[in-house]
Protein backbone atom coordinates (compact mmCIF):
# COMPACT_ATOMS: atom_id res chain seq x y z
CA PHE A 1 -4.58 -2.67 -9.29
CA SER A 2 -5.74 -6.13 -10.67
CA ASN A 3 -2.24 -7.34 -11.36
CA ARG A 4 -0.99 -6.36 -7.95
CA TYR A 5 -3.94 -7.49 -5.65
CA ASP A 6 -5.33 -10.13 -8.00
CA ARG A 7 -8.85 -8.49 -7.77
CA MET A 8 -10.70 -5.48 -9.13
CA ALA A 9 -11.07 -2.26 -6.95
CA HIS A 10 -14.62 -1.97 -5.44
CA THR A 11 -14.55 1.82 -5.57
CA VAL A 12 -13.00 4.18 -8.28
CA VAL A 13 -12.46 7.81 -7.89
CA ALA A 14 -11.13 9.89 -10.85
CA ASP A 15 -11.30 13.23 -12.63
CA SER A 16 -13.39 14.04 -15.80
CA GLY A 17 -10.51 12.90 -18.01
CA TYR A 18 -11.60 9.39 -17.31
CA GLY A 19 -15.32 9.86 -17.81
CA SER A 20 -15.58 8.03 -21.07
CA GLU A 21 -18.21 5.41 -22.23
CA GLU A 22 -15.47 2.75 -22.30
CA ASN A 23 -14.31 3.30 -18.83
CA TYR A 24 -17.82 3.61 -17.38
CA ARG A 25 -18.86 0.35 -19.14
CA PHE A 26 -15.70 -1.51 -17.86
CA MET A 27 -16.39 -0.47 -14.28
CA SER A 28 -20.08 -1.35 -14.54
CA GLU A 29 -19.36 -4.84 -15.91
CA ASN A 30 -16.93 -5.47 -13.09
CA GLY A 31 -19.02 -4.27 -10.30
CA MET A 32 -17.21 -1.20 -9.45
CA GLU A 33 -18.77 1.92 -7.95
CA ALA A 34 -17.69 4.64 -10.42
CA TYR A 35 -17.24 8.01 -8.52
CA VAL A 36 -15.90 9.32 -11.98
CA LYS A 37 -16.54 12.82 -13.15
CA TYR A 38 -17.66 13.58 -16.73
CA ASN A 39 -17.28 16.70 -18.86
CA TYR A 40 -19.22 19.74 -17.69
CA PHE A 41 -19.85 18.09 -14.23
CA HIS A 42 -18.41 20.97 -12.34
CA MET A 43 -20.26 23.40 -14.55
CA GLU A 44 -23.63 21.70 -13.78
CA GLN A 45 -22.90 22.09 -9.96
CA ARG A 46 -22.75 26.02 -10.19
CA PRO A 47 -25.78 27.66 -8.62
CA ARG A 48 -26.22 29.92 -11.77
CA PHE A 49 -25.83 27.05 -14.22
CA LYS A 50 -28.68 26.75 -16.78
CA PRO A 51 -28.66 23.99 -19.48
CA ASP A 52 -28.61 25.08 -23.01
CA PRO A 53 -31.95 23.90 -24.55
CA PHE A 54 -30.55 23.89 -28.04
CA LYS A 55 -27.88 21.36 -27.35
CA ALA A 56 -28.83 17.78 -28.50
CA GLU A 57 -28.06 16.20 -25.09
CA ASN A 58 -30.70 18.46 -23.46
CA PHE A 59 -33.48 17.56 -25.82
CA TYR A 60 -36.41 15.53 -24.40
CA TYR A 61 -36.15 11.84 -25.26
CA ASN A 62 -39.02 9.41 -25.27
CA GLU A 63 -37.48 6.10 -24.53
CA GLU A 64 -40.51 3.98 -25.13
CA HIS A 65 -41.14 5.25 -28.74
CA ASP A 66 -37.50 6.34 -29.50
CA PHE A 67 -37.95 9.89 -30.59
CA CYS A 68 -36.69 13.27 -29.51
CA ILE A 69 -38.45 16.67 -29.16
CA CYS A 70 -36.79 19.79 -30.25
CA PRO A 71 -37.07 23.18 -28.25
CA MET A 72 -39.83 24.26 -30.67
CA GLY A 73 -41.86 21.07 -29.79
CA GLN A 74 -41.24 19.22 -33.04
CA ARG A 75 -40.76 15.36 -33.03
CA MET A 76 -37.46 14.14 -34.25
CA ARG A 77 -37.55 10.60 -35.76
CA ARG A 78 -34.80 8.09 -35.56
CA ILE A 79 -33.10 7.65 -38.87
CA GLY A 80 -30.23 5.25 -38.04
CA THR A 81 -27.12 4.61 -36.12
CA ARG A 82 -23.44 5.72 -36.40
CA ASN A 83 -20.66 3.67 -34.96
CA VAL A 84 -17.67 5.72 -33.69
CA LYS A 85 -14.40 3.78 -32.99
CA THR A 86 -11.98 5.21 -30.56
CA ALA A 87 -8.21 5.08 -30.63
CA SER A 88 -8.17 2.11 -28.23
CA GLY A 89 -10.63 0.24 -30.52
CA TYR A 90 -13.81 0.63 -28.57
CA VAL A 91 -16.84 1.11 -30.58
CA SER A 92 -19.65 3.47 -29.58
CA GLU A 93 -23.18 3.59 -30.93
CA ASN A 94 -24.78 7.06 -31.58
CA ALA A 95 -28.45 7.15 -32.50
CA ARG A 96 -29.24 9.70 -35.24
CA TYR A 97 -32.46 11.68 -35.09
CA ARG A 98 -33.77 14.25 -37.71
CA ALA A 99 -36.35 16.91 -37.52
CA VAL A 100 -39.13 16.81 -40.14
CA ARG A 101 -39.59 20.52 -40.90
CA CYS A 102 -37.15 23.21 -39.74
CA GLU A 103 -37.85 25.70 -42.56
CA GLY A 104 -39.66 28.77 -41.23
CA CYS A 105 -39.13 27.79 -37.55
CA PRO A 106 -38.74 31.02 -35.43
CA LEU A 107 -36.01 29.39 -33.33
CA ARG A 108 -33.88 28.08 -36.20
CA CYS A 109 -31.34 30.97 -35.95
CA ARG A 110 -30.55 29.89 -32.36
CA CYS A 111 -30.87 26.07 -32.99
CA PHE A 112 -28.49 25.56 -36.00
CA LYS A 113 -27.11 27.22 -39.05
CA ALA A 114 -26.82 24.41 -41.56
CA LYS A 115 -29.12 23.91 -44.44
CA GLY A 116 -32.07 21.47 -44.47
CA ASN A 117 -33.43 19.84 -41.30
CA ARG A 118 -31.46 19.53 -38.12
CA THR A 119 -29.86 16.03 -37.54
CA ILE A 120 -28.61 15.21 -33.91
CA GLU A 121 -26.71 12.21 -32.57
CA LEU A 122 -27.24 10.90 -28.98
CA ASN A 123 -25.29 8.19 -27.14
CA HIS A 124 -27.98 6.70 -24.97
CA ARG A 125 -25.57 4.30 -23.11
CA LEU A 126 -23.20 7.11 -22.13
CA ARG A 127 -26.18 9.26 -21.00
CA GLN A 128 -27.19 6.46 -18.52
CA TYR A 129 -23.67 6.05 -17.33
CA LYS A 130 -23.55 9.86 -16.82
CA ARG A 131 -26.88 9.88 -14.84
CA ARG A 132 -25.63 7.12 -12.59
CA ALA A 133 -22.32 8.79 -12.12
CA LYS A 134 -24.07 12.09 -11.08
CA GLU A 135 -26.06 10.26 -8.45
CA LEU A 136 -23.03 8.71 -7.01
CA LEU A 137 -20.99 11.87 -7.04
CA CYS A 138 -23.75 13.94 -5.45
CA SER A 139 -24.46 11.49 -2.67
CA GLU A 140 -22.87 11.83 0.79
CA LYS A 141 -20.39 9.12 0.11
CA GLY A 142 -19.63 10.82 -3.32
CA LEU A 143 -18.84 14.21 -1.70
CA LYS A 144 -16.51 12.57 0.80
CA HIS A 145 -14.63 10.76 -1.99
CA ARG A 146 -14.42 13.96 -4.07
CA GLY A 147 -13.00 15.93 -1.06
CA GLN A 148 -10.41 13.19 -0.40
CA ARG A 149 -9.26 13.13 -4.00
CA CYS A 150 -8.56 16.79 -4.01
CA ILE A 151 -6.37 16.54 -0.83
CA GLU A 152 -4.47 13.36 -1.37
CA PRO A 153 -3.41 12.79 -4.92
CA GLU A 154 -3.86 16.30 -6.36
CA ALA A 155 -1.60 17.85 -3.57
CA VAL A 156 1.23 15.35 -4.41
CA PHE A 157 1.06 16.02 -8.18
CA GLY A 158 0.92 19.79 -7.62
CA GLN A 159 4.08 19.43 -5.34
CA ILE A 160 5.91 17.33 -8.07
CA LYS A 161 4.92 19.44 -11.10
CA ASN A 162 5.13 23.11 -9.65
CA ASN A 163 7.37 23.00 -6.50
CA MET A 164 9.78 20.30 -7.83
CA ASN A 165 9.42 21.48 -11.57
CA TYR A 166 9.05 17.91 -12.72
CA LYS A 167 6.66 18.26 -15.64
CA ARG A 168 8.24 15.70 -18.18
CA PHE A 169 9.63 12.15 -18.05
CA ARG A 170 13.27 11.87 -18.84
CA HIS A 171 13.08 8.65 -20.65
CA PHE A 172 11.03 7.01 -23.37
CA GLY A 173 9.19 3.68 -23.27
CA LYS A 174 6.83 2.07 -20.72
CA ASP A 175 9.38 0.30 -18.72
CA LYS A 176 11.66 3.33 -18.54
CA VAL A 177 8.98 5.64 -17.60
CA PHE A 178 7.82 3.36 -14.90
CA MET A 179 11.33 3.30 -13.51
CA ASP A 180 11.53 7.20 -13.83
CA PHE A 181 8.40 7.63 -11.88
CA ALA A 182 9.24 5.00 -9.32
CA PHE A 183 12.50 6.94 -8.38
CA LEU A 184 10.59 10.02 -8.20
CA ALA A 185 8.00 8.58 -5.81
CA ILE A 186 10.78 7.15 -3.63
CA ALA A 187 12.63 10.58 -3.44
CA PHE A 188 9.28 12.37 -2.70
CA ASN A 189 8.40 9.97 0.08
CA ILE A 190 11.88 10.36 1.54
CA LYS A 191 11.59 14.09 1.43
CA LYS A 192 8.21 13.83 3.15
CA MET A 193 9.59 11.58 5.85
CA CYS A 194 12.45 13.88 6.55
CA ALA A 195 10.24 16.92 6.82
CA LYS A 196 8.19 14.99 9.33
CA LEU A 197 11.12 13.78 11.41
CA THR A 198 12.63 17.32 11.44
CA LYS A 199 9.28 18.71 12.64
CA GLU A 200 9.31 16.13 15.49
CA GLY A 201 12.82 16.82 16.52
CA MET A 202 14.41 13.63 15.34
CA ASN A 203 17.20 15.07 13.07
CA TRP A 204 19.57 12.37 14.31
CA LEU A 205 17.44 9.68 12.72
CA ILE A 206 17.59 11.59 9.38
CA ARG A 207 21.52 11.76 9.61
CA LEU A 208 21.66 8.01 10.37
CA PHE A 209 19.34 7.29 7.41
CA TYR A 210 21.56 9.41 5.17
CA LYS A 211 24.65 7.53 6.25
CA LEU A 212 23.04 4.18 5.72
CA THR A 213 21.67 5.14 2.30
CA THR A 214 25.14 6.53 1.28
CA ALA A 215 26.89 3.29 2.45
CA VAL A 216 24.36 1.16 0.51
CA PHE A 217 24.94 3.08 -2.74
CA ARG A 218 28.73 2.98 -2.33
CA CYS A 219 28.53 -0.77 -1.88
CA TRP A 220 26.40 -1.25 -4.94
CA GLU A 221 28.72 1.04 -6.96
CA HIS A 222 31.64 -0.88 -5.88
CA ILE A 223 30.16 -4.25 -6.70
CA ASN A 224 28.93 -2.96 -10.12
CA GLN A 225 32.47 -1.74 -10.91
CA ARG A 226 33.95 -5.11 -9.99
CA ASN A 227 31.29 -6.88 -12.23
CA LEU A 228 32.21 -4.62 -15.17
CA GLN A 229 36.01 -5.38 -14.70
CA LYS A 230 35.26 -9.07 -14.68
CA ILE A 231 33.28 -8.67 -17.97
CA ALA A 232 35.98 -6.52 -19.57
CA ALA A 233 38.65 -9.14 -18.60
């Protein structure tokens, strides 16, 4: 988008596969409204959904004093930070917290099965991005964008993958894959245009377009053969 229009997009709508800290941070730093879902977003929207109190991301966190509270009410102190590097080279910071005394806890069998005291990791930056994303996605504007995404791009990919049975690219390499998908997009748009013209009773225009397209390809093939003959000579 930036290469084509020489600017960043103001609004971004994407599925949960793009809801990573790296993407959220990039959009935040470039002033984009990120209507991008994260993992378990759809699950959270279900009426019967109840958050698991034993998952680390659901523990109460005191931002002022930097500690967590486990389901039993025990304070978990900060013991350090672990850096995680992704395949793209982005580094995430995970804060580590450890309980002081888990032995004899009546909830231990439901909380964790390892020996010693429980240790958890929290990515505070990602949690902030997720909260902001949830606010945007659940807003009136967010509901509109989510509805449009399901209708516009998802329907096209459904047609291509299932009805046209195009599930794998035929070439390797970025440039060849780009060319492969470009031809597929052109064919899909022509097919859509022909269906619309047929519905409107304009079959004569389809036949004319077919003749023009055939003539162009024949001319191109003739010119290409002449060039090959010159090269061979």
